[in-house]
């Protein structure tokens, strides 16, 4: 049986999860359509295939400059 403290904690965690799942993570704060998402993925794949990306090592070196 779950005691009162556990139930309260679970309710708080559920509320947080609901808020995060509803949050919009697009760059300008507006929702994006499925078609726009597909286009973004297509463009990202194009950039990757063209060699336009940073490796983990590149990022680690960049972080040192912050």
N, C-alpha and C. Protein backbone atom coordinates (compact mmCIF):
# COMPACT_ATOMS: atom_id res chain seq x y z
N UNK A 1 0.84 -1.19 0.00
CA UNK A 1 0.00 0.00 0.00
C UNK A 1 0.88 1.25 0.00
N UNK A 2 0.53 2.23 -0.83
CA UNK A 2 1.30 3.47 -0.91
C UNK A 2 0.83 4.41 0.19
N UNK A 3 1.80 4.93 0.94
CA UNK A 3 1.39 5.88 1.98
C UNK A 3 1.17 7.26 1.37
N UNK A 4 0.68 8.19 2.15
CA UNK A 4 0.27 9.52 1.67
C UNK A 4 1.43 10.27 1.03
N UNK A 5 2.63 10.20 1.57
CA UNK A 5 3.78 10.91 1.02
C UNK A 5 4.14 10.43 -0.37
N UNK A 6 4.10 9.12 -0.57
CA UNK A 6 4.40 8.57 -1.89
C UNK A 6 3.37 9.01 -2.93
N UNK A 7 2.12 9.01 -2.56
CA UNK A 7 1.06 9.42 -3.48
C UNK A 7 1.22 10.88 -3.86
N UNK A 8 1.57 11.73 -2.89
CA UNK A 8 1.79 13.15 -3.19
C UNK A 8 2.97 13.35 -4.12
N UNK A 9 4.05 12.62 -3.88
CA UNK A 9 5.23 12.72 -4.74
C UNK A 9 4.89 12.27 -6.15
N UNK A 10 4.18 11.17 -6.29
CA UNK A 10 3.79 10.67 -7.60
C UNK A 10 2.90 11.68 -8.33
N UNK A 11 2.00 12.33 -7.62
CA UNK A 11 1.11 13.33 -8.22
C UNK A 11 1.93 14.53 -8.72
N UNK A 12 2.91 14.96 -7.94
CA UNK A 12 3.78 16.07 -8.35
C UNK A 12 4.58 15.69 -9.59
N UNK A 13 5.15 14.49 -9.60
CA UNK A 13 5.93 14.04 -10.75
C UNK A 13 5.05 13.93 -11.99
N UNK A 14 3.82 13.47 -11.83
CA UNK A 14 2.89 13.39 -12.96
C UNK A 14 2.57 14.77 -13.50
N UNK A 15 2.34 15.73 -12.61
CA UNK A 15 2.07 17.11 -13.05
C UNK A 15 3.26 17.68 -13.83
N UNK A 16 4.47 17.43 -13.35
CA UNK A 16 5.67 17.91 -14.05
C UNK A 16 5.78 17.25 -15.42
N UNK A 17 5.55 15.95 -15.48
CA UNK A 17 5.63 15.24 -16.76
C UNK A 17 4.60 15.77 -17.74
N UNK A 18 3.41 16.06 -17.28
CA UNK A 18 2.37 16.60 -18.16
C UNK A 18 2.79 17.96 -18.70
N UNK A 19 3.36 18.80 -17.85
CA UNK A 19 3.80 20.13 -18.29
C UNK A 19 4.91 20.01 -19.34
N UNK A 20 5.87 19.14 -19.09
CA UNK A 20 6.98 18.99 -20.02
C UNK A 20 6.52 18.41 -21.35
N UNK A 21 5.58 17.48 -21.32
CA UNK A 21 5.13 16.87 -22.57
C UNK A 21 4.32 17.86 -23.40
N UNK A 22 3.75 18.87 -22.77
CA UNK A 22 2.98 19.88 -23.50
C UNK A 22 3.85 21.04 -23.96
N UNK A 23 5.08 21.10 -23.46
CA UNK A 23 5.97 22.22 -23.79
C UNK A 23 6.41 22.16 -25.24
N UNK A 24 6.51 23.33 -25.84
CA UNK A 24 6.91 23.45 -27.23
C UNK A 24 8.40 23.75 -27.29
N UNK A 25 9.18 22.88 -27.92
CA UNK A 25 10.62 23.03 -27.95
C UNK A 25 11.14 23.53 -29.28
N UNK A 26 10.27 24.11 -30.13
CA UNK A 26 10.76 24.66 -31.39
C UNK A 26 11.56 25.92 -31.09
N UNK A 27 12.39 26.34 -32.01
CA UNK A 27 13.33 27.42 -31.75
C UNK A 27 12.65 28.76 -31.51
N UNK A 28 11.52 29.01 -32.12
CA UNK A 28 10.88 30.32 -31.97
C UNK A 28 9.65 30.28 -31.07
N UNK A 29 9.38 29.16 -30.46
CA UNK A 29 8.26 29.07 -29.54
C UNK A 29 6.94 28.72 -30.20
N UNK A 30 6.92 28.54 -31.50
CA UNK A 30 5.70 28.17 -32.19
C UNK A 30 5.71 26.69 -32.53
N UNK A 31 4.55 26.10 -32.53
CA UNK A 31 4.46 24.69 -32.90
C UNK A 31 4.85 24.53 -34.36
N UNK A 32 5.41 23.38 -34.68
CA UNK A 32 5.76 23.11 -36.06
C UNK A 32 4.88 21.97 -36.56
N UNK A 33 4.60 21.99 -37.84
CA UNK A 33 3.77 20.95 -38.42
C UNK A 33 4.60 19.70 -38.69
N UNK A 34 3.91 18.62 -38.96
CA UNK A 34 4.58 17.37 -39.30
C UNK A 34 5.42 17.57 -40.56
N UNK A 35 4.87 18.28 -41.55
CA UNK A 35 5.61 18.52 -42.80
C UNK A 35 6.88 19.34 -42.55
N UNK A 36 6.78 20.34 -41.66
CA UNK A 36 7.96 21.14 -41.35
C UNK A 36 9.01 20.31 -40.63
N UNK A 37 8.58 19.44 -39.74
CA UNK A 37 9.51 18.56 -39.04
C UNK A 37 10.22 17.64 -40.04
N UNK A 38 9.47 17.08 -40.96
CA UNK A 38 10.06 16.21 -41.98
C UNK A 38 11.07 16.99 -42.81
N UNK A 39 10.76 18.23 -43.16
CA UNK A 39 11.68 19.05 -43.94
C UNK A 39 12.95 19.36 -43.14
N UNK A 40 12.79 19.63 -41.86
CA UNK A 40 13.97 19.89 -41.02
C UNK A 40 14.87 18.67 -40.95
N UNK A 41 14.27 17.50 -40.82
CA UNK A 41 15.06 16.26 -40.79
C UNK A 41 15.76 16.06 -42.12
N UNK A 42 15.06 16.30 -43.23
CA UNK A 42 15.65 16.15 -44.55
C UNK A 42 16.86 17.07 -44.71
N UNK A 43 16.71 18.33 -44.29
CA UNK A 43 17.82 19.28 -44.38
C UNK A 43 18.98 18.89 -43.47
N UNK A 44 18.66 18.38 -42.28
CA UNK A 44 19.71 17.95 -41.36
C UNK A 44 20.50 16.78 -41.95
N UNK A 45 19.79 15.84 -42.55
CA UNK A 45 20.48 14.71 -43.18
C UNK A 45 21.38 15.19 -44.32
N UNK A 46 20.90 16.17 -45.08
CA UNK A 46 21.69 16.73 -46.17
C UNK A 46 22.99 17.35 -45.64
N UNK A 47 22.86 18.13 -44.54
CA UNK A 47 24.05 18.76 -43.95
C UNK A 47 25.02 17.70 -43.43
N UNK A 48 24.50 16.67 -42.80
CA UNK A 48 25.36 15.61 -42.27
C UNK A 48 26.09 14.90 -43.41
N UNK A 49 25.36 14.54 -44.45
CA UNK A 49 25.97 13.86 -45.60
C UNK A 49 27.01 14.73 -46.30
N UNK A 50 26.83 16.05 -46.21
CA UNK A 50 27.78 16.97 -46.82
C UNK A 50 28.99 17.21 -45.91
N UNK A 51 28.98 16.60 -44.71
CA UNK A 51 30.10 16.76 -43.79
C UNK A 51 30.01 18.01 -42.93
N UNK A 52 28.86 18.65 -42.93
CA UNK A 52 28.67 19.89 -42.17
C UNK A 52 28.10 19.56 -40.79
N UNK A 53 28.98 19.09 -39.89
CA UNK A 53 28.58 18.75 -38.53
C UNK A 53 29.80 18.82 -37.62
N UNK A 54 29.55 18.80 -36.32
CA UNK A 54 30.62 18.81 -35.33
C UNK A 54 30.68 17.43 -34.67
N UNK A 55 31.88 16.97 -34.43
CA UNK A 55 32.06 15.72 -33.68
C UNK A 55 32.00 16.03 -32.19
N UNK A 56 31.93 15.00 -31.39
CA UNK A 56 31.96 15.16 -29.94
C UNK A 56 33.25 15.84 -29.51
N UNK A 57 34.33 15.47 -30.15
CA UNK A 57 35.62 16.10 -29.82
C UNK A 57 35.60 17.60 -30.16
N UNK A 58 35.00 17.95 -31.30
CA UNK A 58 34.87 19.36 -31.66
C UNK A 58 34.09 20.13 -30.60
N UNK A 59 33.00 19.53 -30.14
CA UNK A 59 32.18 20.18 -29.11
C UNK A 59 32.94 20.33 -27.80
N UNK A 60 33.69 19.31 -27.43
CA UNK A 60 34.46 19.39 -26.19
C UNK A 60 35.50 20.50 -26.26
N UNK A 61 36.13 20.66 -27.40
CA UNK A 61 37.10 21.75 -27.58
C UNK A 61 36.40 23.11 -27.55
N UNK A 62 35.23 23.19 -28.15
CA UNK A 62 34.47 24.44 -28.17
C UNK A 62 34.05 24.84 -26.75
N UNK A 63 33.64 23.86 -25.95
CA UNK A 63 33.23 24.13 -24.58
C UNK A 63 34.36 24.73 -23.77
N UNK A 64 35.57 24.29 -24.01
CA UNK A 64 36.72 24.83 -23.28
C UNK A 64 36.90 26.32 -23.51
N UNK A 65 36.39 26.84 -24.62
CA UNK A 65 36.52 28.26 -24.95
C UNK A 65 35.46 29.14 -24.30
N UNK A 66 34.46 28.51 -23.69
CA UNK A 66 33.36 29.30 -23.10
C UNK A 66 33.82 30.02 -21.87
